[in-house]
Amino acid sequence: MTFVITSPCIDEKAADCVETCPVDAIHEGEDQYYIDPDTCIDCGACEAVCPVAAIFQEDFVPEEEKSFIEKNRAFFKK
């Protein structure tokens, strides 16, 4: 399981999560940050420091935010 960044992050880019991630799994996109599912170690450090509560474990992403799971995966398929 991995963590996913959802819509509250769009245009926010506070970057607290980037600084906290111990494995450098979080990367900046054009409009938000993304978590590399192949690198994420599911530690939860990013979730705890997100100032806009945009980060969820994949299994707990709110229903209205589920499209961000695929958006996150697609970012790393480039």
PDB file of N, CA and C in Angstrom:
ATOM      1  N   MET A   1       0.849  -1.182   0.000  1.00  0.00           N
ATOM      2  CA  MET A   1       0.000   0.000   0.000  1.00  0.00           C
ATOM      3  C   MET A   1       0.888   1.235   0.000  1.00  0.00           C
ATOM      4  N   THR A   2       0.384   2.287  -0.594  1.00  0.00           N
ATOM      5  CA  THR A   2       1.143   3.527  -0.671  1.00  0.00           C
ATOM      6  C   THR A   2       0.255   4.682  -0.244  1.00  0.00           C
ATOM      7  N   PHE A   3       0.832   5.832  -0.141  1.00  0.00           N
ATOM      8  CA  PHE A   3       0.074   7.033   0.164  1.00  0.00           C
ATOM      9  C   PHE A   3      -0.205   7.782  -1.133  1.00  0.00           C
ATOM     10  N   VAL A   4      -1.280   8.554  -1.144  1.00  0.00           N
ATOM     11  CA  VAL A   4      -1.725   9.299  -2.318  1.00  0.00           C
ATOM     12  C   VAL A   4      -2.009  10.737  -1.907  1.00  0.00           C
ATOM     13  N   ILE A   5      -1.590  11.672  -2.741  1.00  0.00           N
ATOM     14  CA  ILE A   5      -1.867  13.087  -2.500  1.00  0.00           C
ATOM     15  C   ILE A   5      -3.093  13.467  -3.319  1.00  0.00           C
ATOM     16  N   THR A   6      -4.053  14.130  -2.681  1.00  0.00           N
ATOM     17  CA  THR A   6      -5.336  14.436  -3.301  1.00  0.00           C
ATOM     18  C   THR A   6      -5.533  15.932  -3.554  1.00  0.00           C
ATOM     19  N   SER A   7      -6.733  16.311  -3.937  1.00  0.00           N
ATOM     20  CA  SER A   7      -7.031  17.664  -4.431  1.00  0.00           C
ATOM     21  C   SER A   7      -6.664  18.837  -3.527  1.00  0.00           C
ATOM     22  N   PRO A   8      -6.716  18.740  -2.200  1.00  0.00           N
ATOM     23  CA  PRO A   8      -6.320  19.910  -1.410  1.00  0.00           C
ATOM     24  C   PRO A   8      -4.896  20.398  -1.697  1.00  0.00           C
ATOM     25  N   CYS A   9      -4.065  19.531  -2.289  1.00  0.00           N
ATOM     26  CA  CYS A   9      -2.686  19.903  -2.607  1.00  0.00           C
ATOM     27  C   CYS A   9      -2.577  20.750  -3.879  1.00  0.00           C
ATOM     28  N   ILE A  10      -3.593  20.690  -4.723  1.00  0.00           N
ATOM     29  CA  ILE A  10      -3.500  21.416  -5.999  1.00  0.00           C
ATOM     30  C   ILE A  10      -3.204  22.890  -5.739  1.00  0.00           C
ATOM     31  N   ASP A  11      -2.133  23.356  -6.345  1.00  0.00           N
ATOM     32  CA  ASP A  11      -1.649  24.733  -6.226  1.00  0.00           C
ATOM     33  C   ASP A  11      -1.222  25.119  -4.812  1.00  0.00           C
ATOM     34  N   GLU A  12      -1.140  24.182  -3.887  1.00  0.00           N
ATOM     35  CA  GLU A  12      -0.707  24.469  -2.519  1.00  0.00           C
ATOM     36  C   GLU A  12       0.816  24.430  -2.445  1.00  0.00           C
ATOM     37  N   LYS A  13       1.376  23.278  -2.671  1.00  0.00           N
ATOM     38  CA  LYS A  13       2.821  23.070  -2.736  1.00  0.00           C
ATOM     39  C   LYS A  13       3.602  23.624  -1.546  1.00  0.00           C
ATOM     40  N   ALA A  14       3.125  23.355  -0.359  1.00  0.00           N
ATOM     41  CA  ALA A  14       3.845  23.782   0.846  1.00  0.00           C
ATOM     42  C   ALA A  14       5.164  23.033   0.990  1.00  0.00           C
ATOM     43  N   ALA A  15       5.236  21.808   0.499  1.00  0.00           N
ATOM     44  CA  ALA A  15       6.454  20.989   0.460  1.00  0.00           C
ATOM     45  C   ALA A  15       6.907  20.439   1.804  1.00  0.00           C
ATOM     46  N   ASP A  16       6.101  20.557   2.833  1.00  0.00           N
ATOM     47  CA  ASP A  16       6.467  19.959   4.118  1.00  0.00           C
ATOM     48  C   ASP A  16       6.658  18.454   3.955  1.00  0.00           C
ATOM     49  N   CYS A  17       5.820  17.847   3.138  1.00  0.00           N
ATOM     50  CA  CYS A  17       5.887  16.395   2.921  1.00  0.00           C
ATOM     51  C   CYS A  17       7.195  15.987   2.243  1.00  0.00           C
ATOM     52  N   VAL A  18       7.646  16.791   1.302  1.00  0.00           N
ATOM     53  CA  VAL A  18       8.880  16.484   0.574  1.00  0.00           C
ATOM     54  C   VAL A  18      10.055  16.443   1.529  1.00  0.00           C
ATOM     55  N   GLU A  19      10.122  17.407   2.415  1.00  0.00           N
ATOM     56  CA  GLU A  19      11.219  17.497   3.368  1.00  0.00           C
ATOM     57  C   GLU A  19      11.191  16.361   4.388  1.00  0.00           C
ATOM     58  N   THR A  20      10.006  15.819   4.662  1.00  0.00           N
ATOM     59  CA  THR A  20       9.837  14.791   5.681  1.00  0.00           C
ATOM     60  C   THR A  20      10.049  13.373   5.157  1.00  0.00           C
ATOM     61  N   CYS A  21       9.801  13.156   3.878  1.00  0.00           N
ATOM     62  CA  CYS A  21       9.872  11.797   3.314  1.00  0.00           C
ATOM     63  C   CYS A  21      11.296  11.239   3.410  1.00  0.00           C
ATOM     64  N   PRO A  22      11.461  10.100   4.100  1.00  0.00           N
ATOM     65  CA  PRO A  22      12.804   9.548   4.287  1.00  0.00           C
ATOM     66  C   PRO A  22      13.380   8.851   3.053  1.00  0.00           C
ATOM     67  N   VAL A  23      12.543   8.594   2.039  1.00  0.00           N
ATOM     68  CA  VAL A  23      13.018   7.872   0.853  1.00  0.00           C
ATOM     69  C   VAL A  23      12.870   8.680  -0.437  1.00  0.00           C
ATOM     70  N   ASP A  24      12.622   9.963  -0.325  1.00  0.00           N
ATOM     71  CA  ASP A  24      12.482  10.857  -1.484  1.00  0.00           C
ATOM     72  C   ASP A  24      11.468  10.337  -2.500  1.00  0.00           C
ATOM     73  N   ALA A  25      10.299   9.900  -2.006  1.00  0.00           N
ATOM     74  CA  ALA A  25       9.250   9.359  -2.871  1.00  0.00           C
ATOM     75  C   ALA A  25       8.326  10.439  -3.418  1.00  0.00           C
ATOM     76  N   ILE A  26       8.424  11.662  -2.917  1.00  0.00           N
ATOM     77  CA  ILE A  26       7.491  12.718  -3.305  1.00  0.00           C
ATOM     78  C   ILE A  26       8.150  13.645  -4.319  1.00  0.00           C
ATOM     79  N   HIS A  27       7.453  13.814  -5.442  1.00  0.00           N
ATOM     80  CA  HIS A  27       7.988  14.603  -6.547  1.00  0.00           C
ATOM     81  C   HIS A  27       7.012  15.703  -6.946  1.00  0.00           C
ATOM     82  N   GLU A  28       7.555  16.820  -7.376  1.00  0.00           N
ATOM     83  CA  GLU A  28       6.735  17.962  -7.756  1.00  0.00           C
ATOM     84  C   GLU A  28       6.230  17.818  -9.188  1.00  0.00           C
ATOM     85  N   GLY A  29       4.930  17.990  -9.350  1.00  0.00           N
ATOM     86  CA  GLY A  29       4.313  18.019 -10.664  1.00  0.00           C
ATOM     87  C   GLY A  29       3.958  19.451 -11.019  1.00  0.00           C
ATOM     88  N   GLU A  30       3.270  19.611 -12.116  1.00  0.00           N
ATOM     89  CA  GLU A  30       2.909  20.957 -12.556  1.00  0.00           C
ATOM     90  C   GLU A  30       1.957  21.655 -11.600  1.00  0.00           C
ATOM     91  N   ASP A  31       0.983  20.915 -11.055  1.00  0.00           N
ATOM     92  CA  ASP A  31      -0.017  21.543 -10.203  1.00  0.00           C
ATOM     93  C   ASP A  31      -0.059  21.026  -8.764  1.00  0.00           C
ATOM     94  N   GLN A  32       0.674  19.951  -8.478  1.00  0.00           N
ATOM     95  CA  GLN A  32       0.680  19.395  -7.131  1.00  0.00           C
ATOM     96  C   GLN A  32       1.877  18.452  -6.984  1.00  0.00           C
ATOM     97  N   TYR A  33       2.017  17.880  -5.783  1.00  0.00           N
ATOM     98  CA  TYR A  33       3.039  16.865  -5.538  1.00  0.00           C
ATOM     99  C   TYR A  33       2.435  15.481  -5.724  1.00  0.00           C
ATOM    100  N   TYR A  34       3.299  14.513  -6.006  1.00  0.00           N
ATOM    101  CA  TYR A  34       2.892  13.134  -6.229  1.00  0.00           C
ATOM    102  C   TYR A  34       3.819  12.208  -5.465  1.00  0.00           C
ATOM    103  N   ILE A  35       3.280  11.059  -5.026  1.00  0.00           N
ATOM    104  CA  ILE A  35       4.064  10.076  -4.292  1.00  0.00           C
ATOM    105  C   ILE A  35       4.317   8.874  -5.190  1.00  0.00           C
ATOM    106  N   ASP A  36       5.574   8.549  -5.389  1.00  0.00           N
ATOM    107  CA  ASP A  36       5.956   7.415  -6.227  1.00  0.00           C
ATOM    108  C   ASP A  36       5.566   6.117  -5.509  1.00  0.00           C
ATOM    109  N   PRO A  37       4.606   5.368  -6.057  1.00  0.00           N
ATOM    110  CA  PRO A  37       4.160   4.155  -5.378  1.00  0.00           C
ATOM    111  C   PRO A  37       5.228   3.067  -5.305  1.00  0.00           C
ATOM    112  N   ASP A  38       6.224   3.121  -6.177  1.00  0.00           N
ATOM    113  CA  ASP A  38       7.292   2.127  -6.148  1.00  0.00           C
ATOM    114  C   ASP A  38       8.378   2.458  -5.135  1.00  0.00           C
ATOM    115  N   THR A  39       8.397   3.697  -4.664  1.00  0.00           N
ATOM    116  CA  THR A  39       9.412   4.140  -3.713  1.00  0.00           C
ATOM    117  C   THR A  39       8.858   4.282  -2.297  1.00  0.00           C
ATOM    118  N   CYS A  40       7.588   4.634  -2.182  1.00  0.00           N
ATOM    119  CA  CYS A  40       6.947   4.861  -0.879  1.00  0.00           C
ATOM    120  C   CYS A  40       7.072   3.620   0.005  1.00  0.00           C
ATOM    121  N   ILE A  41       7.487   3.831   1.252  1.00  0.00           N
ATOM    122  CA  ILE A  41       7.633   2.726   2.200  1.00  0.00           C
ATOM    123  C   ILE A  41       6.482   2.689   3.199  1.00  0.00           C
ATOM    124  N   ASP A  42       5.440   3.486   2.964  1.00  0.00           N
ATOM    125  CA  ASP A  42       4.224   3.472   3.777  1.00  0.00           C
ATOM    126  C   ASP A  42       4.492   3.834   5.236  1.00  0.00           C
ATOM    127  N   CYS A  43       5.390   4.789   5.443  1.00  0.00           N
ATOM    128  CA  CYS A  43       5.738   5.164   6.815  1.00  0.00           C
ATOM    129  C   CYS A  43       4.761   6.172   7.428  1.00  0.00           C
ATOM    130  N   GLY A  44       4.078   6.949   6.585  1.00  0.00           N
ATOM    131  CA  GLY A  44       3.098   7.906   7.079  1.00  0.00           C
ATOM    132  C   GLY A  44       3.654   9.248   7.509  1.00  0.00           C
ATOM    133  N   ALA A  45       4.944   9.447   7.385  1.00  0.00           N
ATOM    134  CA  ALA A  45       5.545  10.714   7.818  1.00  0.00           C
ATOM    135  C   ALA A  45       4.957  11.899   7.057  1.00  0.00           C
ATOM    136  N   CYS A  46       4.696  11.715   5.780  1.00  0.00           N
ATOM    137  CA  CYS A  46       4.165  12.800   4.951  1.00  0.00           C
ATOM    138  C   CYS A  46       2.754  13.189   5.378  1.00  0.00           C
ATOM    139  N   GLU A  47       1.939  12.193   5.678  1.00  0.00           N
ATOM    140  CA  GLU A  47       0.545  12.444   6.072  1.00  0.00           C
ATOM    141  C   GLU A  47       0.490  13.327   7.318  1.00  0.00           C
ATOM    142  N   ALA A  48       1.364  13.055   8.260  1.00  0.00           N
ATOM    143  CA  ALA A  48       1.364  13.776   9.531  1.00  0.00           C
ATOM    144  C   ALA A  48       1.713  15.252   9.397  1.00  0.00           C
ATOM    145  N   VAL A  49       2.495  15.623   8.391  1.00  0.00           N
ATOM    146  CA  VAL A  49       2.942  17.014   8.275  1.00  0.00           C
ATOM    147  C   VAL A  49       2.202  17.813   7.199  1.00  0.00           C
ATOM    148  N   CYS A  50       1.304  17.187   6.458  1.00  0.00           N
ATOM    149  CA  CYS A  50       0.604  17.895   5.371  1.00  0.00           C
ATOM    150  C   CYS A  50      -0.286  18.993   5.947  1.00  0.00           C
ATOM    151  N   PRO A  51      -0.020  20.260   5.606  1.00  0.00           N
ATOM    152  CA  PRO A  51      -0.787  21.362   6.182  1.00  0.00           C
ATOM    153  C   PRO A  51      -2.218  21.480   5.642  1.00  0.00           C
ATOM    154  N   VAL A  52      -2.532  20.770   4.554  1.00  0.00           N
ATOM    155  CA  VAL A  52      -3.877  20.855   3.981  1.00  0.00           C
ATOM    156  C   VAL A  52      -4.608  19.514   4.025  1.00  0.00           C
ATOM    157  N   ALA A  53      -4.078  18.545   4.758  1.00  0.00           N
ATOM    158  CA  ALA A  53      -4.694  17.220   4.917  1.00  0.00           C
ATOM    159  C   ALA A  53      -5.044  16.583   3.569  1.00  0.00           C
ATOM    160  N   ALA A  54      -4.089  16.587   2.656  1.00  0.00           N
ATOM    161  CA  ALA A  54      -4.307  16.067   1.305  1.00  0.00           C
ATOM    162  C   ALA A  54      -3.777  14.652   1.114  1.00  0.00           C
ATOM    163  N   ILE A  55      -3.101  14.089   2.107  1.00  0.00           N
ATOM    164  CA  ILE A  55      -2.433  12.797   1.936  1.00  0.00           C
ATOM    165  C   ILE A  55      -3.176  11.707   2.701  1.00  0.00           C
ATOM    166  N   PHE A  56      -3.444  10.608   1.977  1.00  0.00           N
ATOM    167  CA  PHE A  56      -4.161   9.471   2.552  1.00  0.00           C
ATOM    168  C   PHE A  56      -3.489   8.169   2.146  1.00  0.00           C
ATOM    169  N   GLN A  57      -3.608   7.150   2.986  1.00  0.00           N
ATOM    170  CA  GLN A  57      -3.239   5.814   2.546  1.00  0.00           C
ATOM    171  C   GLN A  57      -4.201   5.454   1.429  1.00  0.00           C
ATOM    172  N   GLU A  58      -3.704   4.748   0.429  1.00  0.00           N
ATOM    173  CA  GLU A  58      -4.512   4.442  -0.758  1.00  0.00           C
ATOM    174  C   GLU A  58      -5.875   3.837  -0.404  1.00  0.00           C
ATOM    175  N   ASP A  59      -5.927   2.946   0.547  1.00  0.00           N
ATOM    176  CA  ASP A  59      -7.190   2.309   0.919  1.00  0.00           C
ATOM    177  C   ASP A  59      -8.159   3.245   1.641  1.00  0.00           C
ATOM    178  N   PHE A  60      -7.678   4.406   2.060  1.00  0.00           N
ATOM    179  CA  PHE A  60      -8.514   5.334   2.814  1.00  0.00           C
ATOM    180  C   PHE A  60      -8.761   6.658   2.087  1.00  0.00           C
ATOM    181  N   VAL A  61      -8.442   6.709   0.805  1.00  0.00           N
ATOM    182  CA  VAL A  61      -8.724   7.914   0.022  1.00  0.00           C
ATOM    183  C   VAL A  61     -10.241   8.086  -0.028  1.00  0.00           C
ATOM    184  N   PRO A  62     -10.755   9.277   0.307  1.00  0.00           N
ATOM    185  CA  PRO A  62     -12.201   9.493   0.260  1.00  0.00           C
ATOM    186  C   PRO A  62     -12.762   9.215  -1.141  1.00  0.00           C
ATOM    187  N   GLU A  63     -13.979   8.741  -1.194  1.00  0.00           N
ATOM    188  CA  GLU A  63     -14.618   8.349  -2.447  1.00  0.00           C
ATOM    189  C   GLU A  63     -14.508   9.439  -3.509  1.00  0.00           C
ATOM    190  N   GLU A  64     -14.747  10.676  -3.125  1.00  0.00           N
ATOM    191  CA  GLU A  64     -14.720  11.790  -4.080  1.00  0.00           C
ATOM    192  C   GLU A  64     -13.313  12.141  -4.557  1.00  0.00           C
ATOM    193  N   GLU A  65     -12.310  11.544  -3.959  1.00  0.00           N
ATOM    194  CA  GLU A  65     -10.908  11.807  -4.312  1.00  0.00           C
ATOM    195  C   GLU A  65     -10.248  10.602  -4.990  1.00  0.00           C
ATOM    196  N   LYS A  66     -10.978   9.523  -5.212  1.00  0.00           N
ATOM    197  CA  LYS A  66     -10.412   8.277  -5.757  1.00  0.00           C
ATOM    198  C   LYS A  66      -9.709   8.472  -7.098  1.00  0.00           C
ATOM    199  N   SER A  67     -10.114   9.445  -7.907  1.00  0.00           N
ATOM    200  CA  SER A  67      -9.460   9.671  -9.202  1.00  0.00           C
ATOM    201  C   SER A  67      -7.991  10.040  -9.032  1.00  0.00           C
ATOM    202  N   PHE A  68      -7.615  10.520  -7.861  1.00  0.00           N
ATOM    203  CA  PHE A  68      -6.224  10.904  -7.614  1.00  0.00           C
ATOM    204  C   PHE A  68      -5.306   9.683  -7.477  1.00  0.00           C
ATOM    205  N   ILE A  69      -5.869   8.525  -7.205  1.00  0.00           N
ATOM    206  CA  ILE A  69      -5.051   7.309  -7.152  1.00  0.00           C
ATOM    207  C   ILE A  69      -4.460   7.053  -8.533  1.00  0.00           C
ATOM    208  N   GLU A  70      -5.297   7.105  -9.557  1.00  0.00           N
ATOM    209  CA  GLU A  70      -4.815   6.875 -10.924  1.00  0.00           C
ATOM    210  C   GLU A  70      -3.976   8.060 -11.409  1.00  0.00           C
ATOM    211  N   LYS A  71      -4.369   9.271 -11.034  1.00  0.00           N
ATOM    212  CA  LYS A  71      -3.589  10.461 -11.430  1.00  0.00           C
ATOM    213  C   LYS A  71      -2.164  10.338 -10.899  1.00  0.00           C
ATOM    214  N   ASN A  72      -2.022   9.854  -9.676  1.00  0.00           N
ATOM    215  CA  ASN A  72      -0.713   9.665  -9.059  1.00  0.00           C
ATOM    216  C   ASN A  72       0.092   8.610  -9.819  1.00  0.00           C
ATOM    217  N   ARG A  73      -0.528   7.473 -10.109  1.00  0.00           N
ATOM    218  CA  ARG A  73       0.181   6.411 -10.847  1.00  0.00           C
ATOM    219  C   ARG A  73       0.598   6.875 -12.233  1.00  0.00           C
ATOM    220  N   ALA A  74      -0.307   7.581 -12.898  1.00  0.00           N
ATOM    221  CA  ALA A  74      -0.033   8.048 -14.269  1.00  0.00           C
ATOM    222  C   ALA A  74       1.148   9.009 -14.306  1.00  0.00           C
ATOM    223  N   PHE A  75       1.319   9.812 -13.251  1.00  0.00           N
ATOM    224  CA  PHE A  75       2.439  10.759 -13.206  1.00  0.00           C
ATOM    225  C   PHE A  75       3.776  10.036 -13.308  1.00  0.00           C
ATOM    226  N   PHE A  76       3.883   8.854 -12.730  1.00  0.00           N
ATOM    227  CA  PHE A  76       5.143   8.121 -12.726  1.00  0.00           C
ATOM    228  C   PHE A  76       5.311   7.169 -13.904  1.00  0.00           C
ATOM    229  N   LYS A  77       4.323   7.084 -14.766  1.00  0.00           N
ATOM    230  CA  LYS A  77       4.417   6.243 -15.961  1.00  0.00           C
ATOM    231  C   LYS A  77       4.983   7.008 -17.149  1.00  0.00           C
ATOM    232  N   LYS A  78       5.330   8.252 -16.950  1.00  0.00           N
ATOM    233  CA  LYS A  78       5.842   9.087 -18.045  1.00  0.00           C
ATOM    234  C   LYS A  78       7.186   8.589 -18.536  1.00  0.00           C
TER     235      LYS A  78
END
